[in-house]
């Protein structure tokens, strides 16, 4: 009996003392922090950062697109699944939220939604911040390291029994010529620049 208790305590200690995933860094080498404002600076010769635009013809459809000009896009904040954690870490669930948007009066929180015109899942706004679970599965992303920067991955782990197909977030040009953020096998690579 003592052996079982000691083994159980050793297991619990080992699980709880596992090292935390590495922190995500901005362009100055500082940790990404909860509530800080960051611009995404694209790599691979792309210009412009992400922003929200109305994609609808009859009703408002707020989608996340990448600018074609040298506009830096809209600053965003990141909130981890545990909002008390002040540092954003690799491979952990986060909400991504634009600091502001004038499109459609929706929530500025990113979410994944199927786009019938594109015939694939795209990044939209209108998500729910916090409240991890099956109802908010579409609102959680992870930040992963690339060779020279970072990428977003849709692979939420906020629901242990939910069936999720994981995918990188990439850039897909739609029929209107907009560079949309969407689930793709070619990731969008970028770095974080802190604005506030």
C-alpha atoms as a PDB file:
ATOM      1  CA  UNK A   1       0.000   0.000   0.000  1.00  0.00           C
ATOM      2  CA  UNK A   2       2.829   2.417   0.900  1.00  0.00           C
ATOM      3  CA  UNK A   3       4.492   1.605  -2.425  1.00  0.00           C
ATOM      4  CA  UNK A   4       1.339   2.537  -4.353  1.00  0.00           C
ATOM      5  CA  UNK A   5       0.961   5.801  -2.443  1.00  0.00           C
ATOM      6  CA  UNK A   6       4.627   6.704  -2.957  1.00  0.00           C
ATOM      7  CA  UNK A   7       4.409   5.847  -6.667  1.00  0.00           C
ATOM      8  CA  UNK A   8       1.232   7.942  -7.013  1.00  0.00           C
ATOM      9  CA  UNK A   9       2.837  10.905  -5.254  1.00  0.00           C
ATOM     10  CA  UNK A  10       5.975  10.587  -7.404  1.00  0.00           C
ATOM     11  CA  UNK A  11       3.814  10.526 -10.560  1.00  0.00           C
ATOM     12  CA  UNK A  12       1.819  13.596  -9.476  1.00  0.00           C
ATOM     13  CA  UNK A  13       5.061  15.447  -8.636  1.00  0.00           C
ATOM     14  CA  UNK A  14       6.595  14.506 -12.009  1.00  0.00           C
ATOM     15  CA  UNK A  15       3.518  15.688 -13.933  1.00  0.00           C
ATOM     16  CA  UNK A  16       3.286  18.957 -11.993  1.00  0.00           C
ATOM     17  CA  UNK A  17       7.001  19.675 -12.274  1.00  0.00           C
ATOM     18  CA  UNK A  18       7.171  19.153 -16.054  1.00  0.00           C
ATOM     19  CA  UNK A  19       8.793  22.183 -17.676  1.00  0.00           C
ATOM     20  CA  UNK A  20       6.445  24.766 -19.148  1.00  0.00           C
ATOM     21  CA  UNK A  21       6.547  25.203 -22.932  1.00  0.00           C
ATOM     22  CA  UNK A  22       8.964  27.869 -24.163  1.00  0.00           C
ATOM     23  CA  UNK A  23       7.667  31.460 -24.184  1.00  0.00           C
ATOM     24  CA  UNK A  24       6.822  33.208 -27.445  1.00  0.00           C
ATOM     25  CA  UNK A  25       9.174  36.154 -28.108  1.00  0.00           C
ATOM     26  CA  UNK A  26       8.629  39.472 -29.857  1.00  0.00           C
ATOM     27  CA  UNK A  27      11.120  41.136 -32.233  1.00  0.00           C
ATOM     28  CA  UNK A  28      13.034  42.595 -29.269  1.00  0.00           C
ATOM     29  CA  UNK A  29      13.431  39.192 -27.618  1.00  0.00           C
ATOM     30  CA  UNK A  30      10.867  39.945 -24.891  1.00  0.00           C
ATOM     31  CA  UNK A  31       8.122  37.529 -23.833  1.00  0.00           C
ATOM     32  CA  UNK A  32       4.688  37.954 -25.424  1.00  0.00           C
ATOM     33  CA  UNK A  33       2.449  39.074 -22.580  1.00  0.00           C
ATOM     34  CA  UNK A  34      -1.261  38.755 -21.970  1.00  0.00           C
ATOM     35  CA  UNK A  35      -2.985  42.034 -22.819  1.00  0.00           C
ATOM     36  CA  UNK A  36      -0.009  43.533 -24.696  1.00  0.00           C
ATOM     37  CA  UNK A  37      -0.676  44.895 -28.193  1.00  0.00           C
ATOM     38  CA  UNK A  38       1.245  43.251 -31.043  1.00  0.00           C
ATOM     39  CA  UNK A  39       1.416  43.641 -34.805  1.00  0.00           C
ATOM     40  CA  UNK A  40       2.177  40.650 -37.000  1.00  0.00           C
ATOM     41  CA  UNK A  41       5.033  41.377 -39.390  1.00  0.00           C
ATOM     42  CA  UNK A  42       4.867  38.868 -42.288  1.00  0.00           C
ATOM     43  CA  UNK A  43       7.972  37.042 -43.451  1.00  0.00           C
ATOM     44  CA  UNK A  44       8.673  35.524 -46.882  1.00  0.00           C
ATOM     45  CA  UNK A  45       8.507  38.797 -48.820  1.00  0.00           C
ATOM     46  CA  UNK A  46       4.898  39.588 -47.945  1.00  0.00           C
ATOM     47  CA  UNK A  47       3.834  43.085 -46.943  1.00  0.00           C
ATOM     48  CA  UNK A  48       1.052  44.288 -44.690  1.00  0.00           C
ATOM     49  CA  UNK A  49      -0.488  42.748 -41.623  1.00  0.00           C
ATOM     50  CA  UNK A  50      -3.896  41.244 -40.884  1.00  0.00           C
ATOM     51  CA  UNK A  51      -7.048  43.281 -40.400  1.00  0.00           C
ATOM     52  CA  UNK A  52     -10.834  42.718 -40.534  1.00  0.00           C
ATOM     53  CA  UNK A  53     -12.963  43.486 -43.563  1.00  0.00           C
ATOM     54  CA  UNK A  54     -16.612  42.894 -44.450  1.00  0.00           C
ATOM     55  CA  UNK A  55     -16.750  40.061 -46.996  1.00  0.00           C
ATOM     56  CA  UNK A  56     -20.548  39.936 -47.282  1.00  0.00           C
ATOM     57  CA  UNK A  57     -22.711  41.086 -50.158  1.00  0.00           C
ATOM     58  CA  UNK A  58     -26.121  41.071 -48.426  1.00  0.00           C
ATOM     59  CA  UNK A  59     -25.167  40.673 -44.781  1.00  0.00           C
ATOM     60  CA  UNK A  60     -22.039  41.449 -42.821  1.00  0.00           C
ATOM     61  CA  UNK A  61     -19.382  38.713 -42.910  1.00  0.00           C
ATOM     62  CA  UNK A  62     -16.259  39.862 -41.013  1.00  0.00           C
ATOM     63  CA  UNK A  63     -13.188  38.031 -42.301  1.00  0.00           C
ATOM     64  CA  UNK A  64      -9.493  38.327 -41.476  1.00  0.00           C
ATOM     65  CA  UNK A  65      -7.394  39.369 -44.469  1.00  0.00           C
ATOM     66  CA  UNK A  66      -3.780  40.353 -45.083  1.00  0.00           C
ATOM     67  CA  UNK A  67      -3.116  43.841 -46.460  1.00  0.00           C
ATOM     68  CA  UNK A  68      -1.510  44.206 -49.907  1.00  0.00           C
ATOM     69  CA  UNK A  69       0.171  47.506 -49.067  1.00  0.00           C
ATOM     70  CA  UNK A  70       2.655  48.431 -46.375  1.00  0.00           C
ATOM     71  CA  UNK A  71      -0.155  48.919 -43.872  1.00  0.00           C
ATOM     72  CA  UNK A  72       0.968  47.091 -40.744  1.00  0.00           C
ATOM     73  CA  UNK A  73      -2.516  45.798 -39.992  1.00  0.00           C
ATOM     74  CA  UNK A  74      -4.356  46.053 -36.694  1.00  0.00           C
ATOM     75  CA  UNK A  75      -2.703  45.392 -33.305  1.00  0.00           C
ATOM     76  CA  UNK A  76      -3.902  42.299 -31.489  1.00  0.00           C
ATOM     77  CA  UNK A  77      -3.838  40.848 -28.012  1.00  0.00           C
ATOM     78  CA  UNK A  78      -3.495  37.254 -26.840  1.00  0.00           C
ATOM     79  CA  UNK A  79      -5.232  35.585 -23.915  1.00  0.00           C
ATOM     80  CA  UNK A  80      -4.142  32.109 -22.790  1.00  0.00           C
ATOM     81  CA  UNK A  81      -6.596  29.431 -21.717  1.00  0.00           C
ATOM     82  CA  UNK A  82      -5.601  30.292 -18.146  1.00  0.00           C
ATOM     83  CA  UNK A  83      -5.962  34.106 -18.138  1.00  0.00           C
ATOM     84  CA  UNK A  84      -3.938  34.395 -14.903  1.00  0.00           C
ATOM     85  CA  UNK A  85      -0.819  33.358 -16.827  1.00  0.00           C
ATOM     86  CA  UNK A  86       0.952  36.528 -17.926  1.00  0.00           C
ATOM     87  CA  UNK A  87       3.223  34.971 -20.562  1.00  0.00           C
ATOM     88  CA  UNK A  88       2.077  33.467 -23.874  1.00  0.00           C
ATOM     89  CA  UNK A  89       3.775  30.116 -24.488  1.00  0.00           C
ATOM     90  CA  UNK A  90       4.275  27.870 -27.501  1.00  0.00           C
ATOM     91  CA  UNK A  91       1.792  25.046 -28.137  1.00  0.00           C
ATOM     92  CA  UNK A  92      -0.801  26.340 -25.656  1.00  0.00           C
ATOM     93  CA  UNK A  93      -4.362  27.430 -26.416  1.00  0.00           C
ATOM     94  CA  UNK A  94      -4.844  31.198 -26.844  1.00  0.00           C
ATOM     95  CA  UNK A  95      -7.586  33.538 -27.962  1.00  0.00           C
ATOM     96  CA  UNK A  96      -6.487  36.111 -30.527  1.00  0.00           C
ATOM     97  CA  UNK A  97      -8.293  39.437 -30.486  1.00  0.00           C
ATOM     98  CA  UNK A  98      -7.906  42.555 -32.609  1.00  0.00           C
ATOM     99  CA  UNK A  99      -7.507  45.683 -30.480  1.00  0.00           C
ATOM    100  CA  UNK A 100     -10.219  47.343 -32.528  1.00  0.00           C
ATOM    101  CA  UNK A 101     -12.342  46.788 -35.609  1.00  0.00           C
ATOM    102  CA  UNK A 102     -14.955  48.848 -37.397  1.00  0.00           C
ATOM    103  CA  UNK A 103     -16.398  45.904 -39.282  1.00  0.00           C
ATOM    104  CA  UNK A 104     -19.856  44.481 -38.599  1.00  0.00           C
ATOM    105  CA  UNK A 105     -19.989  45.374 -34.879  1.00  0.00           C
ATOM    106  CA  UNK A 106     -18.871  41.830 -34.066  1.00  0.00           C
ATOM    107  CA  UNK A 107     -16.596  40.641 -31.297  1.00  0.00           C
ATOM    108  CA  UNK A 108     -12.951  41.096 -32.373  1.00  0.00           C
ATOM    109  CA  UNK A 109     -11.974  37.572 -31.241  1.00  0.00           C
ATOM    110  CA  UNK A 110     -10.708  35.266 -33.994  1.00  0.00           C
ATOM    111  CA  UNK A 111     -12.583  32.072 -34.786  1.00  0.00           C
ATOM    112  CA  UNK A 112     -12.570  29.409 -37.482  1.00  0.00           C
ATOM    113  CA  UNK A 113     -15.661  29.166 -39.692  1.00  0.00           C
ATOM    114  CA  UNK A 114     -16.465  27.301 -42.900  1.00  0.00           C
ATOM    115  CA  UNK A 115     -16.603  29.652 -45.902  1.00  0.00           C
ATOM    116  CA  UNK A 116     -18.910  28.306 -48.633  1.00  0.00           C
ATOM    117  CA  UNK A 117     -17.403  30.539 -51.338  1.00  0.00           C
ATOM    118  CA  UNK A 118     -13.854  29.389 -50.592  1.00  0.00           C
ATOM    119  CA  UNK A 119     -14.997  25.839 -49.800  1.00  0.00           C
ATOM    120  CA  UNK A 120     -12.692  25.719 -46.803  1.00  0.00           C
ATOM    121  CA  UNK A 121     -12.361  26.916 -43.220  1.00  0.00           C
ATOM    122  CA  UNK A 122     -11.310  30.548 -42.859  1.00  0.00           C
ATOM    123  CA  UNK A 123     -10.378  32.847 -39.977  1.00  0.00           C
ATOM    124  CA  UNK A 124     -13.196  35.221 -39.099  1.00  0.00           C
ATOM    125  CA  UNK A 125     -14.016  37.409 -36.095  1.00  0.00           C
ATOM    126  CA  UNK A 126     -17.035  37.144 -33.821  1.00  0.00           C
ATOM    127  CA  UNK A 127     -15.607  34.541 -31.464  1.00  0.00           C
ATOM    128  CA  UNK A 128     -15.923  34.251 -27.701  1.00  0.00           C
ATOM    129  CA  UNK A 129     -13.037  35.180 -25.414  1.00  0.00           C
ATOM    130  CA  UNK A 130     -12.333  32.660 -22.661  1.00  0.00           C
ATOM    131  CA  UNK A 131     -14.836  30.010 -21.523  1.00  0.00           C
ATOM    132  CA  UNK A 132     -12.775  27.017 -22.775  1.00  0.00           C
ATOM    133  CA  UNK A 133     -14.815  23.982 -23.785  1.00  0.00           C
ATOM    134  CA  UNK A 134     -16.727  22.397 -26.671  1.00  0.00           C
ATOM    135  CA  UNK A 135     -18.909  25.510 -27.204  1.00  0.00           C
ATOM    136  CA  UNK A 136     -15.852  27.687 -27.893  1.00  0.00           C
ATOM    137  CA  UNK A 137     -13.717  25.154 -29.757  1.00  0.00           C
ATOM    138  CA  UNK A 138     -13.538  27.358 -32.875  1.00  0.00           C
ATOM    139  CA  UNK A 139     -12.017  30.274 -30.913  1.00  0.00           C
ATOM    140  CA  UNK A 140      -8.709  28.708 -29.809  1.00  0.00           C
ATOM    141  CA  UNK A 141      -5.390  28.780 -31.661  1.00  0.00           C
ATOM    142  CA  UNK A 142      -1.814  27.847 -30.827  1.00  0.00           C
ATOM    143  CA  UNK A 143       1.430  29.626 -31.676  1.00  0.00           C
ATOM    144  CA  UNK A 144       4.232  27.393 -32.963  1.00  0.00           C
ATOM    145  CA  UNK A 145       7.828  28.128 -33.951  1.00  0.00           C
ATOM    146  CA  UNK A 146       8.941  28.120 -37.600  1.00  0.00           C
ATOM    147  CA  UNK A 147      12.512  28.323 -38.954  1.00  0.00           C
ATOM    148  CA  UNK A 148      12.646  32.115 -38.699  1.00  0.00           C
ATOM    149  CA  UNK A 149       9.486  33.173 -36.886  1.00  0.00           C
ATOM    150  CA  UNK A 150       6.124  31.857 -35.780  1.00  0.00           C
ATOM    151  CA  UNK A 151       2.880  30.498 -37.203  1.00  0.00           C
ATOM    152  CA  UNK A 152      -0.672  30.012 -35.956  1.00  0.00           C
ATOM    153  CA  UNK A 153      -2.105  26.518 -35.736  1.00  0.00           C
ATOM    154  CA  UNK A 154      -5.738  25.595 -35.258  1.00  0.00           C
ATOM    155  CA  UNK A 155      -5.513  22.580 -32.952  1.00  0.00           C
ATOM    156  CA  UNK A 156      -7.476  23.351 -29.784  1.00  0.00           C
ATOM    157  CA  UNK A 157      -7.068  21.119 -26.763  1.00  0.00           C
ATOM    158  CA  UNK A 158      -9.711  22.848 -24.606  1.00  0.00           C
ATOM    159  CA  UNK A 159     -12.025  19.842 -25.083  1.00  0.00           C
ATOM    160  CA  UNK A 160     -10.449  16.451 -24.369  1.00  0.00           C
ATOM    161  CA  UNK A 161     -13.240  14.427 -26.009  1.00  0.00           C
ATOM    162  CA  UNK A 162     -13.848  16.640 -29.080  1.00  0.00           C
ATOM    163  CA  UNK A 163     -12.732  15.415 -32.505  1.00  0.00           C
ATOM    164  CA  UNK A 164     -10.499  18.128 -33.988  1.00  0.00           C
ATOM    165  CA  UNK A 165      -8.621  18.126 -37.290  1.00  0.00           C
ATOM    166  CA  UNK A 166      -5.484  20.207 -36.760  1.00  0.00           C
ATOM    167  CA  UNK A 167      -4.202  22.581 -39.432  1.00  0.00           C
ATOM    168  CA  UNK A 168      -1.826  25.485 -39.954  1.00  0.00           C
ATOM    169  CA  UNK A 169      -3.238  28.946 -40.620  1.00  0.00           C
ATOM    170  CA  UNK A 170      -2.065  30.127 -44.034  1.00  0.00           C
ATOM    171  CA  UNK A 171      -2.928  32.701 -46.678  1.00  0.00           C
ATOM    172  CA  UNK A 172      -5.392  31.795 -49.423  1.00  0.00           C
ATOM    173  CA  UNK A 173      -6.415  34.191 -52.193  1.00  0.00           C
ATOM    174  CA  UNK A 174     -10.193  34.214 -52.690  1.00  0.00           C
ATOM    175  CA  UNK A 175     -12.216  34.946 -55.855  1.00  0.00           C
ATOM    176  CA  UNK A 176     -12.199  38.673 -55.052  1.00  0.00           C
ATOM    177  CA  UNK A 177      -8.392  38.723 -54.876  1.00  0.00           C
ATOM    178  CA  UNK A 178      -8.292  39.153 -51.094  1.00  0.00           C
ATOM    179  CA  UNK A 179      -5.531  37.366 -49.188  1.00  0.00           C
ATOM    180  CA  UNK A 180      -7.574  35.563 -46.559  1.00  0.00           C
ATOM    181  CA  UNK A 181      -6.271  33.845 -43.447  1.00  0.00           C
ATOM    182  CA  UNK A 182      -7.571  30.290 -43.679  1.00  0.00           C
ATOM    183  CA  UNK A 183      -6.717  26.744 -42.653  1.00  0.00           C
ATOM    184  CA  UNK A 184      -4.050  25.586 -45.065  1.00  0.00           C
ATOM    185  CA  UNK A 185      -1.169  23.165 -45.496  1.00  0.00           C
ATOM    186  CA  UNK A 186       1.140  26.164 -46.187  1.00  0.00           C
ATOM    187  CA  UNK A 187       1.565  28.188 -42.975  1.00  0.00           C
ATOM    188  CA  UNK A 188       1.702  31.985 -42.788  1.00  0.00           C
ATOM    189  CA  UNK A 189       5.010  32.834 -41.088  1.00  0.00           C
ATOM    190  CA  UNK A 190       5.498  36.077 -39.153  1.00  0.00           C
ATOM    191  CA  UNK A 191       7.113  37.782 -36.165  1.00  0.00           C
ATOM    192  CA  UNK A 192       5.505  39.814 -33.362  1.00  0.00           C
ATOM    193  CA  UNK A 193       6.171  43.548 -32.949  1.00  0.00           C
ATOM    194  CA  UNK A 194       4.986  45.059 -29.662  1.00  0.00           C
ATOM    195  CA  UNK A 195       3.058  48.343 -30.014  1.00  0.00           C
ATOM    196  CA  UNK A 196       1.924  48.882 -26.389  1.00  0.00           C
END
